[in-house]
Amino acid sequence: VDQVDTDSIVDLTISQIIQDLDPHTAYLPKAELDAENQSMNGSFVGIGISFYKNNDTLTVIRTIPNGPSDKAGLKSGDKILYADGLNLSQPEITSDSIVKLLKGERLTEVNLKVKRDKQENFLSFKVKRNSVSLKSVDAGFMIDSSTAYIKINRFAKTTYDEFKAYAKTLESKNPQRIIVDIRDNGGGYLKEA
């Protein structure tokens, strides 16, 4: 009898059961849960970018303001081709392995080779990994004399406190109504929501 990977069978079975019961719930295996929890706890150690890998190219969606990549000069649209000499376009390099490569010990460096639009040559960046704060409330301001606006991008561990801080600041401006913008909010912790 061949060895059976019971973990993968359990993961598949649980995912199917949940999908049939509730369209708003998803099962995350332990490795995915650990990564998700880290991003929902308000901070992590890394280079501070959001990215996607399309075909074989890692592209920066945005740098986290005041994060290590932002301070080093990376920009949205930059294509990271090499990290510490490793070619990131290899098919065996997955998004998960890229995350592990870009995260690491605090204050350690990663050397990146980047292709930027309208630049002929590769750009080189030394980015020092550091703690990166993740904000779940993007903005809070008055859009007119009587209407306040607060934008929440996800429901993380710090969302309630962040929301209260914006609301307290706006309270002095006497808003008659508040728009709470949760468009493109991917969800998160139910208690915080």
Protein backbone atom coordinates (compact mmCIF):
# COMPACT_ATOMS: atom_id res chain seq x y z
CA VAL A 1 0.00 0.00 0.00
CA ASP A 2 1.31 3.46 -0.92
CA GLN A 3 1.79 6.18 1.66
CA VAL A 4 -1.23 8.47 1.90
CA ASP A 5 -0.91 12.18 2.69
CA THR A 6 -3.76 12.39 5.19
CA ASP A 7 -3.27 16.15 5.71
CA SER A 8 -4.13 16.89 2.07
CA ILE A 9 -7.18 14.60 2.21
CA VAL A 10 -8.42 16.31 5.39
CA ASP A 11 -7.82 19.79 3.90
CA LEU A 12 -9.70 18.87 0.73
CA THR A 13 -12.60 17.30 2.63
CA ILE A 14 -13.01 20.20 5.06
CA SER A 15 -12.85 22.74 2.19
CA GLN A 16 -15.58 20.87 0.28
CA ILE A 17 -17.86 20.60 3.36
CA ILE A 18 -17.51 24.31 4.15
CA GLN A 19 -18.07 25.30 0.51
CA ASP A 20 -21.34 23.33 0.49
CA LEU A 21 -22.54 24.83 3.78
CA ASP A 22 -21.58 28.50 3.65
CA PRO A 23 -20.42 30.57 0.66
CA HIS A 24 -18.86 33.22 2.94
CA THR A 25 -16.51 30.93 4.87
CA ALA A 26 -13.24 29.40 3.76
CA TYR A 27 -10.92 26.84 5.37
CA LEU A 28 -7.26 27.81 5.65
CA PRO A 29 -4.65 25.10 6.24
CA LYS A 30 -2.17 25.88 9.05
CA ALA A 31 0.54 27.39 6.79
CA GLU A 32 -1.96 29.74 5.12
CA LEU A 33 -3.57 30.59 8.47
CA ASP A 34 -0.20 31.56 9.97
CA ALA A 35 0.49 33.90 7.03
CA GLU A 36 -3.03 35.37 7.17
CA ASN A 37 -2.84 35.93 10.94
CA GLN A 38 0.48 37.69 10.55
CA SER A 39 -1.03 40.12 8.05
CA MET A 40 -4.09 40.66 10.28
CA ASN A 41 -2.15 41.38 13.48
CA GLY A 42 -1.10 44.84 12.38
CA SER A 43 2.57 44.29 11.55
CA PHE A 44 5.13 41.89 10.14
CA VAL A 45 8.86 41.81 9.38
CA GLY A 46 9.68 42.09 5.69
CA ILE A 47 10.38 44.55 2.89
CA GLY A 48 6.90 46.11 2.87
CA ILE A 49 5.33 45.51 -0.54
CA SER A 50 2.12 44.15 -1.97
CA PHE A 51 2.84 42.17 -5.12
CA TYR A 52 1.43 39.73 -7.63
CA LYS A 53 3.17 37.17 -9.79
CA ASN A 54 1.79 37.16 -13.30
CA ASN A 55 3.18 34.33 -15.42
CA ASP A 56 6.85 34.54 -14.44
CA THR A 57 7.14 38.16 -13.28
CA LEU A 58 6.83 39.54 -9.76
CA THR A 59 5.28 43.01 -9.97
CA VAL A 60 4.97 45.49 -7.11
CA ILE A 61 1.35 46.57 -6.63
CA ARG A 62 2.30 49.13 -4.00
CA THR A 63 4.85 49.79 -1.33
CA ILE A 64 3.62 50.23 2.21
CA PRO A 65 4.11 53.91 3.14
CA ASN A 66 7.28 54.44 5.20
CA GLY A 67 8.13 50.75 4.89
CA PRO A 68 11.58 49.49 3.90
CA SER A 69 10.85 49.30 0.14
CA ASP A 70 9.22 52.72 0.11
CA LYS A 71 12.27 54.21 1.83
CA ALA A 72 14.62 52.38 -0.56
CA GLY A 73 12.81 53.88 -3.59
CA LEU A 74 10.77 51.00 -5.04
CA LYS A 75 7.58 52.06 -6.83
CA SER A 76 4.29 50.58 -7.99
CA GLY A 77 4.76 48.75 -11.27
CA ASP A 78 8.40 47.82 -10.59
CA LYS A 79 9.20 44.27 -11.66
CA ILE A 80 11.48 42.46 -9.22
CA LEU A 81 13.52 40.01 -11.28
CA TYR A 82 16.21 38.91 -8.79
CA ALA A 83 16.41 38.72 -5.00
CA ASP A 84 19.86 37.97 -3.57
CA GLY A 85 20.91 36.69 -6.99
CA LEU A 86 18.01 34.24 -7.26
CA ASN A 87 16.08 34.50 -10.53
CA LEU A 88 12.44 34.92 -9.43
CA SER A 89 11.05 34.03 -12.88
CA GLN A 90 11.82 30.32 -12.50
CA PRO A 91 8.61 28.24 -12.63
CA GLU A 92 9.41 26.49 -9.34
CA ILE A 93 9.49 29.87 -7.52
CA THR A 94 5.94 30.21 -6.16
CA SER A 95 4.32 33.22 -4.51
CA ASP A 96 4.71 31.45 -1.14
CA SER A 97 8.45 30.95 -1.65
CA ILE A 98 8.80 34.61 -2.70
CA VAL A 99 7.09 35.70 0.53
CA LYS A 100 9.49 33.55 2.57
CA LEU A 101 12.44 35.02 0.67
CA LEU A 102 11.34 38.65 1.14
CA LYS A 103 10.44 38.22 4.79
CA GLY A 104 13.21 37.36 7.20
CA GLU A 105 15.09 38.50 10.23
CA ARG A 106 14.66 42.15 11.20
CA LEU A 107 17.48 44.44 9.97
CA THR A 108 18.87 41.91 7.47
CA GLU A 109 19.28 43.05 3.85
CA VAL A 110 17.97 41.67 0.60
CA ASN A 111 19.50 42.78 -2.72
CA LEU A 112 16.95 43.30 -5.48
CA LYS A 113 17.37 43.75 -9.23
CA VAL A 114 14.38 45.62 -10.63
CA LYS A 115 13.09 46.47 -14.11
CA ARG A 116 11.25 49.79 -14.17
CA ASP A 117 9.18 51.04 -17.12
CA LYS A 118 11.03 53.53 -19.32
CA GLN A 119 14.38 52.56 -17.74
CA GLU A 120 16.76 50.76 -20.05
CA ASN A 121 18.93 49.10 -17.39
CA PHE A 122 18.08 47.11 -14.30
CA LEU A 123 17.97 49.09 -11.06
CA SER A 124 19.62 47.71 -7.93
CA PHE A 125 18.14 48.17 -4.47
CA LYS A 126 19.44 47.11 -1.05
CA VAL A 127 16.37 46.81 1.15
CA LYS A 128 16.74 46.30 4.90
CA ARG A 129 13.94 44.14 6.29
CA ASN A 130 12.14 45.74 9.20
CA SER A 131 8.84 45.79 11.07
CA VAL A 132 6.10 47.00 8.76
CA SER A 133 2.88 48.42 10.17
CA LEU A 134 -0.28 47.47 8.35
CA LYS A 135 -3.12 49.93 8.65
CA SER A 136 -6.65 48.69 8.10
CA VAL A 137 -8.24 52.16 8.06
CA ASP A 138 -6.90 54.06 5.04
CA ALA A 139 -8.46 57.47 5.56
CA GLY A 140 -10.82 59.59 7.60
CA PHE A 141 -11.82 63.13 6.67
CA MET A 142 -14.76 65.49 6.07
CA ILE A 143 -16.04 65.39 2.48
CA ASP A 144 -18.25 68.41 3.08
CA SER A 145 -19.32 70.51 6.06
CA SER A 146 -21.67 67.84 7.45
CA THR A 147 -20.42 64.48 6.13
CA ALA A 148 -17.47 62.47 7.43
CA TYR A 149 -15.84 59.67 5.46
CA ILE A 150 -13.85 56.70 6.84
CA LYS A 151 -12.34 54.02 4.55
CA ILE A 152 -11.68 50.52 5.98
CA ASN A 153 -9.65 48.16 3.76
CA ARG A 154 -9.97 45.03 5.97
CA PHE A 155 -11.02 43.96 9.45
CA ALA A 156 -7.72 43.32 11.25
CA LYS A 157 -6.80 43.12 14.92
CA THR A 158 -6.30 46.90 15.10
CA THR A 159 -9.31 48.05 13.03
CA TYR A 160 -11.56 49.04 15.94
CA ASP A 161 -8.86 51.17 17.58
CA GLU A 162 -7.87 52.77 14.26
CA PHE A 163 -11.53 53.56 13.49
CA LYS A 164 -12.04 55.09 16.96
CA ALA A 165 -8.99 57.33 16.49
CA TYR A 166 -10.32 58.68 13.16
CA ALA A 167 -13.85 59.07 14.59
CA LYS A 168 -12.52 61.01 17.60
CA THR A 169 -10.59 63.38 15.31
CA LEU A 170 -13.66 63.92 13.12
CA GLU A 171 -16.02 64.36 16.09
CA SER A 172 -14.77 67.90 16.68
CA LYS A 173 -15.97 68.84 13.19
CA ASN A 174 -19.58 67.96 14.13
CA PRO A 175 -20.52 65.58 11.29
CA GLN A 176 -24.23 64.93 10.81
CA ARG A 177 -23.55 61.64 9.01
CA ILE A 178 -20.61 59.30 8.42
CA ILE A 179 -19.89 57.29 5.30
CA VAL A 180 -18.06 54.08 6.22
CA ASP A 181 -16.50 52.86 2.98
CA ILE A 182 -15.86 49.12 2.93
CA ARG A 183 -15.61 48.70 -0.84
CA ASP A 184 -12.88 46.20 -1.80
CA ASN A 185 -12.65 45.12 1.84
CA GLY A 186 -11.65 41.46 1.82
CA GLY A 187 -13.10 40.77 5.27
CA GLY A 188 -11.17 39.62 8.28
CA TYR A 189 -11.96 39.22 11.96
CA LEU A 190 -15.69 39.14 12.69
CA LYS A 191 -15.27 40.71 16.16
CA GLU A 192 -13.47 43.72 14.66
CA ALA A 193 -16.16 44.10 11.99
